[in-house]
Protein backbone atom coordinates (compact mmCIF):
# COMPACT_ATOMS: atom_id res chain seq x y z
CA MET A 1 0.00 0.00 0.00
CA THR A 2 1.40 3.39 -0.97
CA ARG A 3 2.06 6.22 1.43
CA LYS A 4 -0.76 8.37 -0.04
CA LEU A 5 -3.35 5.63 0.50
CA LEU A 6 -2.16 5.17 4.09
CA GLU A 7 -2.45 8.92 4.73
CA ALA A 8 -5.95 9.01 3.15
CA GLY A 9 -7.10 6.03 5.23
CA THR A 10 -5.71 7.54 8.45
CA GLN A 11 -7.41 10.89 7.77
CA ALA A 12 -10.71 9.15 6.96
CA GLN A 13 -10.64 7.09 10.18
CA ASN A 14 -9.70 10.12 12.31
CA ASN A 15 -12.60 12.18 10.87
CA LYS A 16 -15.12 9.35 10.58
CA GLU A 17 -17.99 10.98 12.52
CA THR A 18 -17.56 14.38 10.79
CA ILE A 19 -17.53 12.80 7.31
CA ILE A 20 -20.64 10.71 8.04
CA GLN A 21 -22.47 13.77 9.40
CA LEU A 22 -21.52 15.90 6.38
CA TYR A 23 -22.65 13.21 3.93
CA GLN A 24 -25.96 12.62 5.71
CA THR A 25 -26.74 16.37 5.78
CA GLY A 26 -26.55 16.49 1.96
CA LYS A 27 -22.93 17.28 1.20
CA THR A 28 -21.57 15.63 -1.95
CA THR A 29 -18.31 13.69 -2.16
CA PRO A 30 -16.58 16.48 -4.18
CA GLU A 31 -17.52 19.00 -1.46
CA ILE A 32 -16.16 16.71 1.28
CA ASN A 33 -13.05 16.17 -0.82
CA LYS A 34 -12.39 19.95 -0.75
CA LEU A 35 -12.42 19.83 3.07
CA TYR A 36 -10.16 16.76 3.15
CA PRO A 37 -8.00 16.96 -0.01
CA LYS A 38 -6.00 13.82 0.85
CA ILE A 39 -9.16 11.70 0.64
CA SER A 40 -10.27 11.15 -2.96
CA ARG A 41 -13.92 10.67 -4.00
CA LYS A 42 -13.40 6.94 -4.57
CA THR A 43 -11.81 6.57 -1.13
CA LEU A 44 -14.71 8.45 0.48
CA ILE A 45 -17.29 6.16 -1.16
CA ARG A 46 -15.28 3.09 -0.18
CA TYR A 47 -15.12 4.13 3.50
CA LEU A 48 -18.77 5.24 3.61
CA THR A 49 -19.77 1.80 2.29
CA LYS A 50 -17.46 0.16 4.83
CA TRP A 51 -19.11 2.13 7.65
CA GLY A 52 -22.57 1.01 6.52
CA ILE A 53 -23.75 4.40 5.20
CA PRO A 54 -26.16 4.01 2.22
CA ILE A 55 -24.73 5.73 -0.88
CA ARG A 56 -27.12 8.14 -2.53
CA ASN A 57 -28.60 7.20 -5.89
CA LYS A 58 -26.36 8.07 -8.81
CA LYS A 59 -29.42 9.45 -10.61
CA TYR A 60 -29.32 12.53 -8.39
CA ASN A 61 -29.27 14.90 -11.40
CA HIS A 62 -32.34 13.27 -12.92
CA THR A 63 -34.27 13.62 -9.64
CA VAL A 64 -33.33 17.28 -9.21
CA MET A 65 -34.21 18.18 -12.78
CA GLU A 66 -37.56 16.38 -12.78
CA ASN A 67 -38.56 17.82 -9.38
CA ASN A 68 -37.81 21.37 -10.59
CA LYS A 69 -39.00 20.95 -14.18
CA GLN A 70 -41.62 23.75 -14.26
CA LYS A 71 -39.37 26.19 -12.39
CA ILE A 72 -36.42 25.60 -14.76
CA ILE A 73 -38.58 25.96 -17.89
CA LYS A 74 -40.08 29.19 -16.56
CA GLN A 75 -36.67 30.65 -15.69
CA TYR A 76 -35.24 29.75 -19.09
CA LYS A 77 -38.18 31.33 -20.95
CA GLU A 78 -37.81 34.49 -18.83
CA GLY A 79 -34.25 34.90 -20.08
CA LEU A 80 -32.06 33.14 -17.51
CA THR A 81 -29.16 31.27 -19.14
CA ALA A 82 -28.42 27.56 -18.68
CA VAL A 83 -25.26 28.47 -16.74
CA LYS A 84 -27.19 30.63 -14.24
CA ILE A 85 -29.82 27.91 -13.78
CA ALA A 86 -27.15 25.24 -13.17
CA GLU A 87 -25.56 27.37 -10.43
CA GLN A 88 -28.74 27.02 -8.33
CA TYR A 89 -28.39 23.21 -8.01
CA GLN A 90 -25.62 20.97 -6.75
CA ARG A 91 -23.98 18.56 -9.20
CA VAL A 92 -25.88 20.08 -12.15
CA ASN A 93 -23.98 21.78 -14.96
CA LYS A 94 -24.90 23.71 -18.10
CA ILE A 95 -24.84 20.59 -20.34
CA THR A 96 -27.30 18.77 -18.06
CA VAL A 97 -29.71 21.74 -18.10
CA LEU A 98 -29.62 21.99 -21.92
CA LYS A 99 -30.05 18.21 -22.29
CA TYR A 100 -33.22 18.21 -20.17
CA LEU A 101 -34.60 21.33 -21.86
CA LYS A 102 -34.30 19.56 -25.22
CA LYS A 103 -35.93 16.48 -23.71
CA TRP A 104 -38.86 18.63 -22.51
CA ASP A 105 -39.25 20.11 -26.06
CA VAL A 106 -38.24 23.60 -24.96
CA PRO A 107 -36.80 25.58 -27.93
CA ILE A 108 -33.13 26.26 -27.21
CA LYS A 109 -32.10 29.87 -27.74
CA ARG A 110 -29.06 30.28 -29.93
CA THR A 111 -26.31 32.01 -27.99
CA GLN A 112 -24.94 35.11 -29.67
CA SER A 113 -21.31 34.91 -30.70
CA LEU A 114 -18.87 37.24 -28.97
CA ARG A 115 -17.96 38.97 -32.23
CA ARG A 116 -21.60 39.67 -33.12
CA TYR A 117 -22.31 40.87 -29.58
CA ILE A 118 -19.35 43.30 -29.64
CA GLU A 119 -20.09 44.63 -33.15
CA GLN A 120 -23.80 45.14 -32.50
CA ASN A 121 -23.53 46.71 -29.05
CA HIS A 122 -20.09 48.19 -28.40
CA LYS A 123 -18.15 48.64 -31.67
CA ASN A 124 -18.53 52.43 -32.06
CA GLU A 125 -18.05 53.05 -28.33
CA ILE A 126 -14.80 51.06 -28.25
CA ILE A 127 -13.42 52.80 -31.37
CA ASN A 128 -14.27 56.25 -29.98
CA LEU A 129 -12.67 55.41 -26.62
CA TYR A 130 -9.49 54.21 -28.31
CA LYS A 131 -9.28 57.27 -30.57
CA SER A 132 -9.83 59.57 -27.56
CA GLY A 133 -6.59 58.25 -26.02
CA LYS A 134 -7.71 55.33 -23.86
CA THR A 135 -5.40 52.31 -23.84
CA ILE A 136 -6.59 48.78 -24.60
CA LYS A 137 -6.14 47.89 -20.92
CA GLN A 138 -8.35 50.80 -19.80
CA ILE A 139 -11.05 49.88 -22.34
CA ALA A 140 -10.93 46.21 -21.24
CA ASP A 141 -11.55 47.36 -17.65
CA ILE A 142 -14.75 49.10 -18.81
CA TYR A 143 -15.97 45.92 -20.57
CA PRO A 144 -15.01 43.04 -18.22
CA ASP A 145 -16.64 40.46 -20.52
CA ILE A 146 -14.11 41.25 -23.27
CA ALA A 147 -10.48 40.19 -22.72
CA LYS A 148 -7.63 42.58 -23.50
CA SER A 149 -6.27 40.32 -26.26
CA THR A 150 -9.76 40.09 -27.82
CA MET A 151 -10.08 43.89 -27.70
CA HIS A 152 -6.81 44.30 -29.60
CA TYR A 153 -7.84 41.65 -32.15
CA TYR A 154 -11.13 43.39 -33.01
CA LEU A 155 -9.60 46.89 -33.13
CA SER A 156 -7.07 45.56 -35.67
CA ASN A 157 -9.83 43.97 -37.76
CA TRP A 158 -11.87 47.20 -37.74
CA ASP A 159 -8.98 49.01 -39.55
CA VAL A 160 -8.30 51.30 -36.60
CA ASP A 161 -4.84 52.93 -36.70
CA MET A 162 -3.14 51.14 -33.81
CA ARG A 163 -0.68 53.08 -31.68
CA ALA A 164 2.16 51.64 -29.68
CA SER A 165 2.14 51.76 -25.89
CA ASN A 166 3.52 49.76 -23.00
CA ASP A 167 0.02 48.48 -22.27
CA ASP A 168 -0.37 46.96 -25.73
CA ARG A 169 2.16 44.13 -25.23
CA ARG A 170 0.26 41.83 -27.56
CA LEU A 171 0.83 44.36 -30.31
CA TRP A 172 4.59 44.07 -29.82
CA SER A 173 4.60 40.29 -29.57
CA GLY A 174 2.63 40.10 -32.83
CA TRP A 175 4.38 42.90 -34.73
CA CYS A 176 8.04 42.59 -33.87
CA TRP A 177 8.50 38.87 -34.31
CA ASP A 178 6.21 37.93 -37.19
CA THR A 179 8.56 37.31 -40.13
CA HIS A 180 5.69 36.55 -42.52
CA ARG A 181 4.10 39.93 -41.78
CA ASP A 182 7.43 41.68 -42.49
CA VAL A 183 7.62 39.91 -45.86
CA ARG A 184 4.08 40.99 -46.72
CA ARG A 185 4.75 44.63 -45.75
CA ILE A 186 7.91 44.81 -47.86
CA ASN A 187 6.08 43.32 -50.85
CA GLU A 188 3.25 45.85 -50.43
CA PHE A 189 5.70 48.75 -50.00
CA TYR A 190 7.29 47.97 -53.37
CA ASP A 191 3.83 47.38 -54.90
CA HIS A 192 4.82 43.79 -55.85
CA THR A 193 7.19 45.22 -58.48
CA CYS A 194 10.74 44.05 -59.22
CA GLN A 195 13.16 46.90 -58.50
CA ILE A 196 15.56 45.78 -61.24
CA CYS A 197 13.50 44.92 -64.34
CA GLY A 198 10.15 46.52 -63.37
CA LEU A 199 8.11 43.28 -63.58
CA LYS A 200 4.90 43.49 -61.57
CA GLN A 201 3.08 40.42 -60.28
CA ASN A 202 -0.36 39.79 -58.83
CA PRO A 203 -0.02 38.74 -55.14
CA ASN A 204 -2.96 36.33 -55.58
CA ASP A 205 -1.19 34.52 -58.41
CA PRO A 206 -0.31 30.94 -57.32
CA HIS A 207 3.01 31.33 -59.16
CA TYR A 208 3.94 34.54 -57.29
CA SER A 209 7.74 34.50 -57.07
CA MET A 210 8.90 37.88 -55.73
CA LYS A 211 11.88 37.66 -53.38
CA ARG A 212 13.56 39.95 -50.87
CA HIS A 213 17.19 40.71 -51.69
CA HIS A 214 19.45 42.04 -48.92
CA GLN A 215 22.23 44.48 -49.77
CA TRP A 216 25.02 44.68 -47.21
CA GLY A 217 26.44 48.22 -47.18
CA GLN A 218 26.73 50.87 -44.46
CA ASN A 219 23.23 49.78 -43.47
CA VAL A 220 21.35 46.64 -44.43
CA THR A 221 18.83 47.44 -47.16
CA VAL A 222 16.14 45.25 -48.70
CA ILE A 223 14.72 45.43 -52.20
CA LEU A 224 12.09 43.33 -53.94
CA VAL A 225 13.20 41.40 -57.01
CA CYS A 226 11.66 38.79 -59.30
CA LYS A 227 12.87 35.20 -59.54
CA LYS A 228 14.95 35.82 -62.70
CA CYS A 229 16.73 38.91 -61.36
CA HIS A 230 17.34 37.25 -58.02
CA GLY A 231 19.00 34.36 -59.82
CA LYS A 232 21.23 36.80 -61.75
CA LYS A 233 22.22 38.57 -58.52
CA HIS A 234 23.45 35.39 -56.92
CA ASN A 235 24.59 33.41 -59.97
CA GLY A 236 26.16 35.98 -62.28
CA ASN A 237 24.42 36.28 -65.67
CA ASN A 238 22.96 32.78 -65.66
CA ASN A 239 19.59 33.44 -67.32
CA ASP A 240 18.13 30.05 -66.49
CA GLY A 241 18.42 30.94 -62.78
CA ASN A 242 20.22 28.08 -61.05
CA TRP A 243 18.18 28.09 -57.84
CA SER A 244 20.64 27.34 -55.09
CA GLU A 245 20.47 27.87 -51.31
CA TRP A 246 21.26 31.56 -51.93
CA VAL A 247 18.14 32.16 -53.97
CA ARG A 248 15.66 30.69 -51.50
CA ASP A 249 14.55 33.03 -48.72
CA ASP A 250 16.78 32.54 -45.69
CA PRO A 251 14.74 31.12 -42.79
CA ARG A 252 16.83 33.23 -40.39
CA PRO A 253 17.27 36.63 -42.11
CA LYS A 254 16.83 38.55 -38.86
CA ARG A 255 19.69 36.67 -37.22
CA LYS A 256 21.99 37.59 -40.12
CA VAL A 257 21.04 41.27 -39.85
CA LYS A 258 21.79 41.28 -36.10
CA GLU A 259 25.15 39.59 -36.69
CA TYR A 260 25.98 42.15 -39.41
CA TYR A 261 25.53 44.93 -36.82
CA ASN A 262 27.67 42.92 -34.32
CA ARG A 263 24.58 42.44 -32.14
CA THR A 264 24.73 46.09 -31.10
CA CYS A 265 21.78 48.48 -30.83
CA GLN A 266 22.14 51.10 -33.58
CA LYS A 267 20.42 53.74 -31.44
CA CYS A 268 21.84 53.49 -27.91
CA GLY A 269 24.88 51.26 -28.53
CA LYS A 270 23.91 48.52 -26.05
CA THR A 271 25.41 45.08 -26.52
CA ASN A 272 24.47 41.66 -25.10
CA THR A 273 20.78 42.56 -25.10
CA ARG A 274 17.72 41.33 -26.99
CA LEU A 275 17.52 43.03 -30.37
CA GLN A 276 14.65 43.59 -32.80
CA ILE A 277 14.58 44.61 -36.45
CA HIS A 278 13.32 48.13 -37.14
CA HIS A 279 12.28 49.02 -40.71
CA VAL A 280 12.78 52.49 -42.14
CA TRP A 281 10.21 52.77 -44.91
CA GLN A 282 12.06 54.51 -47.70
CA LYS A 283 13.48 53.25 -50.98
CA PRO A 284 15.42 51.07 -50.47
CA VAL A 285 13.96 49.83 -47.17
CA ILE A 286 16.53 49.96 -44.36
CA GLU A 287 16.68 47.27 -41.65
CA LEU A 288 18.28 48.30 -38.35
CA ALA A 289 18.99 46.18 -35.28
CA ILE A 290 17.85 48.03 -32.15
CA CYS A 291 17.02 47.01 -28.58
CA LEU A 292 13.48 46.52 -27.29
CA SER A 293 13.35 49.77 -25.25
CA CYS A 294 14.59 51.89 -28.18
CA HIS A 295 12.13 50.17 -30.54
CA LYS A 296 9.23 51.00 -28.24
CA GLN A 297 10.35 54.64 -27.87
CA ILE A 298 10.53 55.08 -31.66
CA HIS A 299 7.06 53.67 -32.30
CA LYS A 300 5.57 55.45 -29.31
CA LYS A 301 6.35 58.69 -31.15
CA ILE A 302 5.55 57.69 -34.73
CA GLY A 303 3.05 54.84 -34.14
CA LEU A 304 3.00 51.71 -36.25
CA VAL A 305 3.79 52.93 -39.75
CA THR A 306 2.07 51.01 -42.52
CA CYS A 307 4.01 50.53 -45.72
CA SER A 308 1.11 51.16 -48.10
C-alpha cells in the first residue's frame, strides 16, 4: 500500500464521525473532498460503504431536474441562461440543463457569438474610446466580458490605426516577431514590383515569385526582385536561374542582420541585449537592429507605420 493511500485512510478514520455527518446532511463527495484533499472521491465512497452508510442514488441529477421541471422551464423562458440555472443546483452543470430542456421540447435559444455581440452593441463606443486616447487595458476594464487580447484583435480587424504603448504588449509580440508579416509589408511597400527589371506580379497569383534581396552596405537594405533577377544577382548572368540555397529566402534573415551589426543596438549602442529589427520605410527599405526599449520609444512617437 502506498504512502498516499495510508495517509488518506488515516485521515478518513480520524474524521469518521464528521464525514458521516456531512454526507448525511446532503454534502456531496466532491464538497467533502475539498475539506479533506488527501481523501479522494473513490476513497470516500469506499469508506462510507465500509461504515454502513447508504450511498445516494447516482441518478441525483435526474431527480433534481424532474422535481424542478416547471421552475427551470419558466426561468429559461424568462431569459435566464443555462449556466445561471445550473448554479442554483448541486452537481448540475450547463450541459445537463440543456439536455433536459431539449428532452422537454423547450426551444433552445441560440447564444450570440462574442464577435456579433461586440459589433452590435459596443463597436462604435470602443473605437471612440481608443481614438480619444484610452489604452486597450483601460477599455478592457470598462468591458469586463471582453479580454484585452480580444479587444486588440477586433480593433485591428476594424482598420483602426493602432498606436504603440507599453500596455499593448500583444501588439509588440505580434508585430516585432512575425517574419511573414514583415515579408508581406515589404512586398506591399514595393507594390509587388521588381526593382531591377520593373516586372509586376499579382499577389494572388499561385506562381507569385517575388523575393527579398538584402544588400550589405553601411546599413542593411532590402529590395524586392523577381525570380529571374534574383537568380542573376546570386549566380552571375545565368539566365536560367540556377536556384541554389542563396536564392531561396533565408529562414533566419533577422539573425543575419543582427550579426551584421555585431549584435549592437544602432540607437543606444547597447550590446548583449535582446535586439529587434526596425524598418525604415524609404526606398530602399533599411533594416536596423535596435534594442526593445529603443524600438518602443521610436514607435511610441511615430506609431505603427504602414508601408502602403
